[in-house]
C-alpha atoms as a PDB file:
ATOM      1  CA  UNK A   1      24.782  17.843  59.083  1.00  0.00           C
ATOM      2  CA  UNK A   2      22.297  19.790  57.299  1.00  0.00           C
ATOM      3  CA  UNK A   3      24.481  23.046  58.125  1.00  0.00           C
ATOM      4  CA  UNK A   4      26.946  21.277  57.076  1.00  0.00           C
ATOM      5  CA  UNK A   5      25.058  19.578  53.618  1.00  0.00           C
ATOM      6  CA  UNK A   6      24.498  23.874  53.035  1.00  0.00           C
ATOM      7  CA  UNK A   7      27.440  24.964  53.011  1.00  0.00           C
ATOM      8  CA  UNK A   8      28.962  22.074  50.525  1.00  0.00           C
ATOM      9  CA  UNK A   9      26.411  22.777  48.301  1.00  0.00           C
ATOM     10  CA  UNK A  10      27.912  24.744  45.337  1.00  0.00           C
ATOM     11  CA  UNK A  11      31.720  23.948  45.930  1.00  0.00           C
ATOM     12  CA  UNK A  12      33.539  23.702  43.163  1.00  0.00           C
ATOM     13  CA  UNK A  13      36.329  21.082  44.472  1.00  0.00           C
ATOM     14  CA  UNK A  14      39.935  19.767  42.752  1.00  0.00           C
ATOM     15  CA  UNK A  15      40.330  15.423  43.337  1.00  0.00           C
ATOM     16  CA  UNK A  16      43.801  14.279  43.817  1.00  0.00           C
ATOM     17  CA  UNK A  17      44.137  10.509  43.716  1.00  0.00           C
ATOM     18  CA  UNK A  18      47.706   9.790  45.387  1.00  0.00           C
ATOM     19  CA  UNK A  19      47.101   6.603  44.977  1.00  0.00           C
ATOM     20  CA  UNK A  20      44.356   5.399  47.024  1.00  0.00           C
ATOM     21  CA  UNK A  21      42.380   4.985  44.164  1.00  0.00           C
ATOM     22  CA  UNK A  22      38.852   5.965  45.515  1.00  0.00           C
ATOM     23  CA  UNK A  23      38.074   9.119  43.189  1.00  0.00           C
ATOM     24  CA  UNK A  24      34.665   7.847  42.528  1.00  0.00           C
ATOM     25  CA  UNK A  25      33.288   7.374  45.167  1.00  0.00           C
ATOM     26  CA  UNK A  26      34.302  10.726  46.963  1.00  0.00           C
ATOM     27  CA  UNK A  27      33.006  11.997  42.986  1.00  0.00           C
ATOM     28  CA  UNK A  28      29.827  10.608  44.231  1.00  0.00           C
ATOM     29  CA  UNK A  29      29.309  12.086  46.928  1.00  0.00           C
ATOM     30  CA  UNK A  30      30.178  15.070  46.143  1.00  0.00           C
ATOM     31  CA  UNK A  31      27.876  14.920  43.432  1.00  0.00           C
ATOM     32  CA  UNK A  32      25.127  13.481  46.472  1.00  0.00           C
ATOM     33  CA  UNK A  33      26.058  17.201  48.096  1.00  0.00           C
ATOM     34  CA  UNK A  34      25.240  19.220  45.424  1.00  0.00           C
ATOM     35  CA  UNK A  35      29.354  19.866  44.702  1.00  0.00           C
ATOM     36  CA  UNK A  36      30.836  20.272  40.818  1.00  0.00           C
ATOM     37  CA  UNK A  37      34.073  18.332  40.477  1.00  0.00           C
ATOM     38  CA  UNK A  38      35.706  20.326  38.460  1.00  0.00           C
ATOM     39  CA  UNK A  39      39.113  17.990  38.047  1.00  0.00           C
ATOM     40  CA  UNK A  40      40.777  14.998  39.153  1.00  0.00           C
ATOM     41  CA  UNK A  41      44.160  15.208  38.700  1.00  0.00           C
ATOM     42  CA  UNK A  42      46.162  11.921  39.251  1.00  0.00           C
ATOM     43  CA  UNK A  43      50.272  13.117  39.076  1.00  0.00           C
ATOM     44  CA  UNK A  44      51.700  15.808  41.418  1.00  0.00           C
ATOM     45  CA  UNK A  45      53.265  17.498  39.241  1.00  0.00           C
ATOM     46  CA  UNK A  46      49.772  18.875  37.403  1.00  0.00           C
ATOM     47  CA  UNK A  47      48.224  20.236  40.991  1.00  0.00           C
ATOM     48  CA  UNK A  48      49.843  23.573  40.812  1.00  0.00           C
ATOM     49  CA  UNK A  49      48.497  24.223  37.436  1.00  0.00           C
ATOM     50  CA  UNK A  50      45.374  22.743  37.835  1.00  0.00           C
ATOM     51  CA  UNK A  51      44.353  24.669  41.398  1.00  0.00           C
ATOM     52  CA  UNK A  52      45.955  28.143  38.550  1.00  0.00           C
ATOM     53  CA  UNK A  53      43.203  27.455  35.637  1.00  0.00           C
ATOM     54  CA  UNK A  54      40.142  26.446  37.465  1.00  0.00           C
ATOM     55  CA  UNK A  55      40.623  27.965  40.473  1.00  0.00           C
ATOM     56  CA  UNK A  56      38.662  25.556  42.392  1.00  0.00           C
ATOM     57  CA  UNK A  57      37.566  26.423  46.390  1.00  0.00           C
ATOM     58  CA  UNK A  58      38.404  23.604  47.829  1.00  0.00           C
ATOM     59  CA  UNK A  59      41.456  21.010  46.803  1.00  0.00           C
ATOM     60  CA  UNK A  60      40.483  17.261  48.406  1.00  0.00           C
ATOM     61  CA  UNK A  61      42.998  14.370  48.332  1.00  0.00           C
ATOM     62  CA  UNK A  62      42.856  10.730  48.193  1.00  0.00           C
ATOM     63  CA  UNK A  63      45.811   8.989  49.659  1.00  0.00           C
ATOM     64  CA  UNK A  64      46.976   6.004  50.742  1.00  0.00           C
ATOM     65  CA  UNK A  65      50.465   7.614  52.413  1.00  0.00           C
ATOM     66  CA  UNK A  66      50.941  11.359  50.728  1.00  0.00           C
ATOM     67  CA  UNK A  67      54.102  10.919  48.485  1.00  0.00           C
ATOM     68  CA  UNK A  68      56.832  13.684  48.953  1.00  0.00           C
ATOM     69  CA  UNK A  69      56.031  15.803  45.824  1.00  0.00           C
ATOM     70  CA  UNK A  70      52.284  15.510  46.790  1.00  0.00           C
ATOM     71  CA  UNK A  71      52.806  17.294  49.914  1.00  0.00           C
ATOM     72  CA  UNK A  72      55.325  19.547  48.076  1.00  0.00           C
ATOM     73  CA  UNK A  73      53.099  21.467  45.253  1.00  0.00           C
ATOM     74  CA  UNK A  74      50.084  21.454  48.268  1.00  0.00           C
ATOM     75  CA  UNK A  75      52.728  23.753  49.931  1.00  0.00           C
ATOM     76  CA  UNK A  76      53.278  25.550  46.650  1.00  0.00           C
ATOM     77  CA  UNK A  77      49.969  25.552  46.437  1.00  0.00           C
ATOM     78  CA  UNK A  78      49.570  27.227  49.692  1.00  0.00           C
ATOM     79  CA  UNK A  79      52.315  29.948  49.107  1.00  0.00           C
ATOM     80  CA  UNK A  80      50.652  31.269  45.683  1.00  0.00           C
ATOM     81  CA  UNK A  81      46.459  30.082  46.338  1.00  0.00           C
ATOM     82  CA  UNK A  82      45.754  28.776  49.764  1.00  0.00           C
ATOM     83  CA  UNK A  83      42.695  27.492  49.530  1.00  0.00           C
ATOM     84  CA  UNK A  84      40.922  24.885  51.714  1.00  0.00           C
ATOM     85  CA  UNK A  85      42.750  21.514  51.243  1.00  0.00           C
ATOM     86  CA  UNK A  86      41.607  17.934  52.781  1.00  0.00           C
ATOM     87  CA  UNK A  87      43.527  14.915  52.961  1.00  0.00           C
ATOM     88  CA  UNK A  88      42.084  11.525  53.096  1.00  0.00           C
ATOM     89  CA  UNK A  89      44.884   9.396  53.630  1.00  0.00           C
ATOM     90  CA  UNK A  90      45.194   5.268  55.081  1.00  0.00           C
ATOM     91  CA  UNK A  91      48.177   6.146  56.994  1.00  0.00           C
ATOM     92  CA  UNK A  92      47.755   7.394  60.471  1.00  0.00           C
ATOM     93  CA  UNK A  93      52.057   8.544  60.986  1.00  0.00           C
ATOM     94  CA  UNK A  94      52.969  11.061  63.318  1.00  0.00           C
ATOM     95  CA  UNK A  95      55.083  12.157  60.390  1.00  0.00           C
ATOM     96  CA  UNK A  96      53.129  12.542  56.644  1.00  0.00           C
ATOM     97  CA  UNK A  97      50.706  13.987  58.861  1.00  0.00           C
ATOM     98  CA  UNK A  98      53.035  16.823  60.508  1.00  0.00           C
ATOM     99  CA  UNK A  99      53.897  17.044  56.631  1.00  0.00           C
ATOM    100  CA  UNK A 100      50.606  17.771  55.443  1.00  0.00           C
ATOM    101  CA  UNK A 101      49.904  20.270  57.695  1.00  0.00           C
ATOM    102  CA  UNK A 102      52.776  22.194  57.355  1.00  0.00           C
ATOM    103  CA  UNK A 103      52.404  22.700  53.845  1.00  0.00           C
ATOM    104  CA  UNK A 104      48.557  23.953  53.994  1.00  0.00           C
ATOM    105  CA  UNK A 105      46.240  20.803  54.368  1.00  0.00           C
ATOM    106  CA  UNK A 106      43.096  22.264  56.498  1.00  0.00           C
ATOM    107  CA  UNK A 107      41.814  19.333  57.489  1.00  0.00           C
ATOM    108  CA  UNK A 108      44.186  15.559  57.861  1.00  0.00           C
ATOM    109  CA  UNK A 109      41.921  12.303  57.822  1.00  0.00           C
ATOM    110  CA  UNK A 110      43.078   8.997  58.792  1.00  0.00           C
ATOM    111  CA  UNK A 111      41.475   5.909  57.972  1.00  0.00           C
ATOM    112  CA  UNK A 112      37.878   5.156  56.654  1.00  0.00           C
ATOM    113  CA  UNK A 113      37.113   7.143  53.686  1.00  0.00           C
ATOM    114  CA  UNK A 114      32.674   6.947  54.550  1.00  0.00           C
ATOM    115  CA  UNK A 115      30.442   8.766  52.430  1.00  0.00           C
ATOM    116  CA  UNK A 116      28.557  10.411  55.786  1.00  0.00           C
ATOM    117  CA  UNK A 117      32.007  11.692  57.046  1.00  0.00           C
ATOM    118  CA  UNK A 118      32.320  14.293  53.223  1.00  0.00           C
ATOM    119  CA  UNK A 119      30.336  17.210  54.170  1.00  0.00           C
ATOM    120  CA  UNK A 120      30.905  17.747  58.486  1.00  0.00           C
ATOM    121  CA  UNK A 121      35.173  16.994  56.747  1.00  0.00           C
ATOM    122  CA  UNK A 122      34.731  19.678  54.325  1.00  0.00           C
ATOM    123  CA  UNK A 123      32.868  22.189  57.075  1.00  0.00           C
ATOM    124  CA  UNK A 124      36.124  21.830  59.345  1.00  0.00           C
ATOM    125  CA  UNK A 125      38.567  22.462  56.761  1.00  0.00           C
ATOM    126  CA  UNK A 126      37.106  25.145  54.918  1.00  0.00           C
ATOM    127  CA  UNK A 127      36.400  27.242  58.725  1.00  0.00           C
ATOM    128  CA  UNK A 128      39.832  25.842  59.712  1.00  0.00           C
ATOM    129  CA  UNK A 129      41.331  27.966  56.560  1.00  0.00           C
ATOM    130  CA  UNK A 130      39.615  31.241  56.871  1.00  0.00           C
ATOM    131  CA  UNK A 131      40.625  31.023  60.366  1.00  0.00           C
ATOM    132  CA  UNK A 132      44.333  30.142  59.381  1.00  0.00           C
ATOM    133  CA  UNK A 133      43.356  32.927  56.401  1.00  0.00           C
ATOM    134  CA  UNK A 134      42.909  35.893  59.148  1.00  0.00           C
ATOM    135  CA  UNK A 135      45.304  35.351  60.775  1.00  0.00           C
ATOM    136  CA  UNK A 136      47.979  34.755  58.283  1.00  0.00           C
ATOM    137  CA  UNK A 137      46.426  38.523  57.133  1.00  0.00           C
ATOM    138  CA  UNK A 138      47.045  39.589  60.150  1.00  0.00           C
ATOM    139  CA  UNK A 139      50.178  38.790  61.049  1.00  0.00           C
ATOM    140  CA  UNK A 140      51.364  40.396  56.871  1.00  0.00           C
ATOM    141  CA  UNK A 141      49.765  43.683  58.603  1.00  0.00           C
ATOM    142  CA  UNK A 142      51.528  44.118  61.972  1.00  0.00           C
ATOM    143  CA  UNK A 143      54.357  42.961  59.105  1.00  0.00           C
ATOM    144  CA  UNK A 144      53.830  45.592  57.193  1.00  0.00           C
ATOM    145  CA  UNK A 145      53.330  48.310  60.070  1.00  0.00           C
ATOM    146  CA  UNK A 146      56.707  47.772  61.616  1.00  0.00           C
ATOM    147  CA  UNK A 147      58.217  47.739  58.415  1.00  0.00           C
ATOM    148  CA  UNK A 148      56.929  51.241  57.861  1.00  0.00           C
ATOM    149  CA  UNK A 149      57.300  52.395  61.271  1.00  0.00           C
ATOM    150  CA  UNK A 150      61.230  51.198  60.740  1.00  0.00           C
ATOM    151  CA  UNK A 151      61.746  53.498  57.433  1.00  0.00           C
ATOM    152  CA  UNK A 152      60.338  56.373  58.876  1.00  0.00           C
ATOM    153  CA  UNK A 153      62.574  56.199  62.064  1.00  0.00           C
ATOM    154  CA  UNK A 154      65.565  55.459  59.425  1.00  0.00           C
ATOM    155  CA  UNK A 155      64.731  58.376  57.032  1.00  0.00           C
ATOM    156  CA  UNK A 156      63.973  60.843  59.884  1.00  0.00           C
ATOM    157  CA  UNK A 157      67.615  59.602  61.387  1.00  0.00           C
ATOM    158  CA  UNK A 158      69.097  60.491  57.372  1.00  0.00           C
ATOM    159  CA  UNK A 159      66.944  64.491  57.630  1.00  0.00           C
ATOM    160  CA  UNK A 160      68.555  64.441  61.628  1.00  0.00           C
ATOM    161  CA  UNK A 161      71.741  64.215  60.498  1.00  0.00           C
ATOM    162  CA  UNK A 162      71.975  66.025  57.484  1.00  0.00           C
ATOM    163  CA  UNK A 163      69.807  69.494  58.415  1.00  0.00           C
ATOM    164  CA  UNK A 164      70.475  69.148  61.763  1.00  0.00           C
ATOM    165  CA  UNK A 165      67.088  68.631  62.665  1.00  0.00           C
ATOM    166  CA  UNK A 166      66.118  67.244  65.655  1.00  0.00           C
ATOM    167  CA  UNK A 167      63.711  64.453  65.877  1.00  0.00           C
ATOM    168  CA  UNK A 168      60.479  66.158  66.187  1.00  0.00           C
ATOM    169  CA  UNK A 169      61.223  69.028  63.522  1.00  0.00           C
ATOM    170  CA  UNK A 170      62.696  65.277  60.656  1.00  0.00           C
ATOM    171  CA  UNK A 171      58.949  63.902  61.651  1.00  0.00           C
ATOM    172  CA  UNK A 172      57.163  66.975  60.138  1.00  0.00           C
ATOM    173  CA  UNK A 173      59.349  67.508  57.467  1.00  0.00           C
ATOM    174  CA  UNK A 174      58.429  64.124  56.185  1.00  0.00           C
ATOM    175  CA  UNK A 175      55.307  64.359  57.154  1.00  0.00           C
ATOM    176  CA  UNK A 176      54.601  67.772  55.482  1.00  0.00           C
ATOM    177  CA  UNK A 177      56.471  66.133  52.031  1.00  0.00           C
ATOM    178  CA  UNK A 178      53.920  63.110  52.480  1.00  0.00           C
ATOM    179  CA  UNK A 179      51.229  64.997  52.586  1.00  0.00           C
ATOM    180  CA  UNK A 180      52.276  67.739  49.895  1.00  0.00           C
ATOM    181  CA  UNK A 181      52.630  65.039  47.644  1.00  0.00           C
ATOM    182  CA  UNK A 182      49.851  62.866  48.875  1.00  0.00           C
ATOM    183  CA  UNK A 183      52.043  59.794  49.667  1.00  0.00           C
ATOM    184  CA  UNK A 184      51.981  57.465  52.662  1.00  0.00           C
ATOM    185  CA  UNK A 185      54.494  58.643  55.015  1.00  0.00           C
ATOM    186  CA  UNK A 186      56.007  55.419  54.548  1.00  0.00           C
ATOM    187  CA  UNK A 187      56.500  55.632  50.807  1.00  0.00           C
ATOM    188  CA  UNK A 188      57.805  58.854  51.158  1.00  0.00           C
ATOM    189  CA  UNK A 189      60.321  57.580  54.439  1.00  0.00           C
ATOM    190  CA  UNK A 190      61.628  54.948  51.158  1.00  0.00           C
ATOM    191  CA  UNK A 191      62.532  57.398  48.716  1.00  0.00           C
ATOM    192  CA  UNK A 192      64.300  60.064  51.805  1.00  0.00           C
ATOM    193  CA  UNK A 193      66.343  56.108  52.238  1.00  0.00           C
ATOM    194  CA  UNK A 194      66.466  55.633  48.386  1.00  0.00           C
ATOM    195  CA  UNK A 195      67.798  58.762  47.870  1.00  0.00           C
ATOM    196  CA  UNK A 196      70.475  58.996  50.578  1.00  0.00           C
ATOM    197  CA  UNK A 197      72.062  55.738  49.005  1.00  0.00           C
ATOM    198  CA  UNK A 198      72.102  56.947  45.820  1.00  0.00           C
ATOM    199  CA  UNK A 199      74.032  60.130  47.023  1.00  0.00           C
ATOM    200  CA  UNK A 200      75.753  57.956  49.611  1.00  0.00           C
ATOM    201  CA  UNK A 201      76.613  55.046  48.667  1.00  0.00           C
ATOM    202  CA  UNK A 202      78.258  52.700  51.282  1.00  0.00           C
END
């Protein structure tokens, strides 16, 4: 428990009251853990703006059953300003849980909001968020590398066709252009593709 307590200390928390009205209990326990409640939101439409303005480390949602508006707003936050989200809910149904997790909720805790559970739940949520974020970044990097390779291949094809070069010579020409301009190979490849499309519109 001591690790959970030390992890929680200093966290800036945005609390969302999604119909359960247990904000005072959560706020008191967060204060005991050394967290700062930076805001309490009672309208789902304000969630995104509050996250943008207050920049919390963690978002906690206290819900009887997560409303569609809240879930949709959390999904928007997950796309634009991702951070760990903990949802306490009295609804143990499979569908609300799936929708919440798909919207970016890091920990969905069903029934029994007990003060002593808050610190370890925060710890789990933060760990899962960091793992998911790392996976998302790896996926983004892999997709960017794939897109770069496709651009280089397309640009090589254009040079081969327009200048009568073989594949190796086309690649060397691209690489020399990149070195001369001090730009990434993929950026030069995009320039070649753009120039070709301007000269030869479809």
